[in-house]
Amino acid sequence: AGSLSNSAVCVALVSGPGSSPVAVDATTTTAGGTSPCFVDNSADSGKRVQVSVTKAEKLEVIFFSRTINLTSKSIARYEQ
């Protein structure tokens, strides 16, 4: 269990090729400007919603511990 800060969550409504998606406009992304959350490599160039969440957690194994970043990404087709 834990909490996430707003800076750890990105949501964007994007379109364009998966190799270089672009947010529909500056009001449809939390990444800033018209930036997508990530390059999704989607075959669908239509509108889609991207969600990305990153959280730092400590991994502890017998003799050492290390902070690792856990990241999850998802895309879904946007339909009106």
C-alpha atoms as a PDB file:
ATOM      1  CA  ALA A   1       0.000   0.000   0.000  1.00  0.00           C
ATOM      2  CA  GLY A   2       1.051   3.556  -0.448  1.00  0.00           C
ATOM      3  CA  SER A   3       0.173   6.813  -2.046  1.00  0.00           C
ATOM      4  CA  LEU A   4       1.053   8.501  -5.310  1.00  0.00           C
ATOM      5  CA  SER A   5       1.764  12.158  -5.932  1.00  0.00           C
ATOM      6  CA  ASN A   6       0.200  13.971  -8.881  1.00  0.00           C
ATOM      7  CA  SER A   7       3.614  14.134 -10.545  1.00  0.00           C
ATOM      8  CA  ALA A   8       3.735  10.314 -10.568  1.00  0.00           C
ATOM      9  CA  VAL A   9       0.572  10.014 -12.708  1.00  0.00           C
ATOM     10  CA  CYS A  10       0.323  11.065 -16.347  1.00  0.00           C
ATOM     11  CA  VAL A  11      -2.879  11.051 -18.421  1.00  0.00           C
ATOM     12  CA  ALA A  12      -3.077  12.221 -22.042  1.00  0.00           C
ATOM     13  CA  LEU A  13      -5.554  12.118 -24.932  1.00  0.00           C
ATOM     14  CA  VAL A  14      -3.288  11.571 -27.936  1.00  0.00           C
ATOM     15  CA  SER A  15      -3.486  10.893 -31.666  1.00  0.00           C
ATOM     16  CA  GLY A  16      -1.040  10.211 -34.463  1.00  0.00           C
ATOM     17  CA  PRO A  17       1.304   7.326 -35.171  1.00  0.00           C
ATOM     18  CA  GLY A  18       2.411   5.200 -32.235  1.00  0.00           C
ATOM     19  CA  SER A  19       6.039   6.103 -32.936  1.00  0.00           C
ATOM     20  CA  SER A  20       5.363   9.797 -32.273  1.00  0.00           C
ATOM     21  CA  PRO A  21       1.961  10.425 -30.639  1.00  0.00           C
ATOM     22  CA  VAL A  22       0.958  13.989 -29.801  1.00  0.00           C
ATOM     23  CA  ALA A  23      -1.605  15.231 -27.283  1.00  0.00           C
ATOM     24  CA  VAL A  24      -4.749  16.553 -28.964  1.00  0.00           C
ATOM     25  CA  ASP A  25      -4.112  19.944 -27.302  1.00  0.00           C
ATOM     26  CA  ALA A  26      -2.471  21.403 -24.190  1.00  0.00           C
ATOM     27  CA  THR A  27      -5.602  20.822 -22.095  1.00  0.00           C
ATOM     28  CA  THR A  28      -5.654  17.067 -22.743  1.00  0.00           C
ATOM     29  CA  THR A  29      -2.331  16.089 -21.175  1.00  0.00           C
ATOM     30  CA  THR A  30      -0.727  16.306 -17.762  1.00  0.00           C
ATOM     31  CA  ALA A  31       2.734  15.913 -19.339  1.00  0.00           C
ATOM     32  CA  GLY A  32       2.871  19.583 -20.411  1.00  0.00           C
ATOM     33  CA  GLY A  33       2.364  21.290 -23.760  1.00  0.00           C
ATOM     34  CA  THR A  34       1.267  18.700 -26.296  1.00  0.00           C
ATOM     35  CA  SER A  35       3.548  15.975 -24.950  1.00  0.00           C
ATOM     36  CA  PRO A  36       2.280  12.407 -24.719  1.00  0.00           C
ATOM     37  CA  CYS A  37       2.853  10.361 -21.563  1.00  0.00           C
ATOM     38  CA  PHE A  38       4.966   7.876 -23.547  1.00  0.00           C
ATOM     39  CA  VAL A  39       5.649   6.528 -27.049  1.00  0.00           C
ATOM     40  CA  ASP A  40       3.030   3.776 -27.249  1.00  0.00           C
ATOM     41  CA  ASN A  41       3.954   2.172 -30.602  1.00  0.00           C
ATOM     42  CA  SER A  42       0.228   1.700 -31.256  1.00  0.00           C
ATOM     43  CA  ALA A  43      -0.940   0.598 -34.697  1.00  0.00           C
ATOM     44  CA  ASP A  44      -3.982   2.867 -34.184  1.00  0.00           C
ATOM     45  CA  SER A  45      -3.306   6.476 -35.215  1.00  0.00           C
ATOM     46  CA  GLY A  46      -6.728   7.639 -33.971  1.00  0.00           C
ATOM     47  CA  LYS A  47      -7.510   9.218 -30.626  1.00  0.00           C
ATOM     48  CA  ARG A  48      -6.525   7.164 -27.602  1.00  0.00           C
ATOM     49  CA  VAL A  49      -6.020   7.699 -23.888  1.00  0.00           C
ATOM     50  CA  GLN A  50      -2.629   7.045 -22.328  1.00  0.00           C
ATOM     51  CA  VAL A  51      -2.137   6.509 -18.600  1.00  0.00           C
ATOM     52  CA  SER A  52       1.250   6.092 -16.958  1.00  0.00           C
ATOM     53  CA  VAL A  53       1.982   5.646 -13.244  1.00  0.00           C
ATOM     54  CA  THR A  54       5.432   5.524 -11.622  1.00  0.00           C
ATOM     55  CA  LYS A  55       6.192   4.817  -7.979  1.00  0.00           C
ATOM     56  CA  ALA A  56       9.532   4.416  -6.190  1.00  0.00           C
ATOM     57  CA  GLU A  57       9.676   1.482  -3.772  1.00  0.00           C
ATOM     58  CA  LYS A  58      12.408  -0.044  -1.680  1.00  0.00           C
ATOM     59  CA  LEU A  59      13.463  -3.611  -2.516  1.00  0.00           C
ATOM     60  CA  GLU A  60      15.018  -5.327   0.489  1.00  0.00           C
ATOM     61  CA  VAL A  61      16.897  -8.600   0.045  1.00  0.00           C
ATOM     62  CA  ILE A  62      18.740 -10.169   2.994  1.00  0.00           C
ATOM     63  CA  PHE A  63      22.010  -8.163   2.824  1.00  0.00           C
ATOM     64  CA  PHE A  64      21.087  -5.113   0.761  1.00  0.00           C
ATOM     65  CA  SER A  65      18.292  -2.778  -0.193  1.00  0.00           C
ATOM     66  CA  ARG A  66      17.749  -0.748  -3.315  1.00  0.00           C
ATOM     67  CA  THR A  67      15.129   1.738  -4.441  1.00  0.00           C
ATOM     68  CA  ILE A  68      13.467   0.703  -7.676  1.00  0.00           C
ATOM     69  CA  ASN A  69      10.903   2.469  -9.866  1.00  0.00           C
ATOM     70  CA  LEU A  70       7.724   0.543 -10.568  1.00  0.00           C
ATOM     71  CA  THR A  71       6.039   1.754 -13.759  1.00  0.00           C
ATOM     72  CA  SER A  72       2.755   0.791 -15.377  1.00  0.00           C
ATOM     73  CA  LYS A  73       1.522   2.053 -18.761  1.00  0.00           C
ATOM     74  CA  SER A  74      -1.783   1.575 -20.543  1.00  0.00           C
ATOM     75  CA  ILE A  75      -3.561   2.798 -23.681  1.00  0.00           C
ATOM     76  CA  ALA A  76      -7.225   2.601 -24.638  1.00  0.00           C
ATOM     77  CA  ARG A  77      -9.101   3.712 -27.734  1.00  0.00           C
ATOM     78  CA  TYR A  78     -11.032   6.958 -27.211  1.00  0.00           C
ATOM     79  CA  GLU A  79     -14.621   6.737 -28.417  1.00  0.00           C
ATOM     80  CA  GLN A  80     -17.253   9.468 -28.167  1.00  0.00           C
END
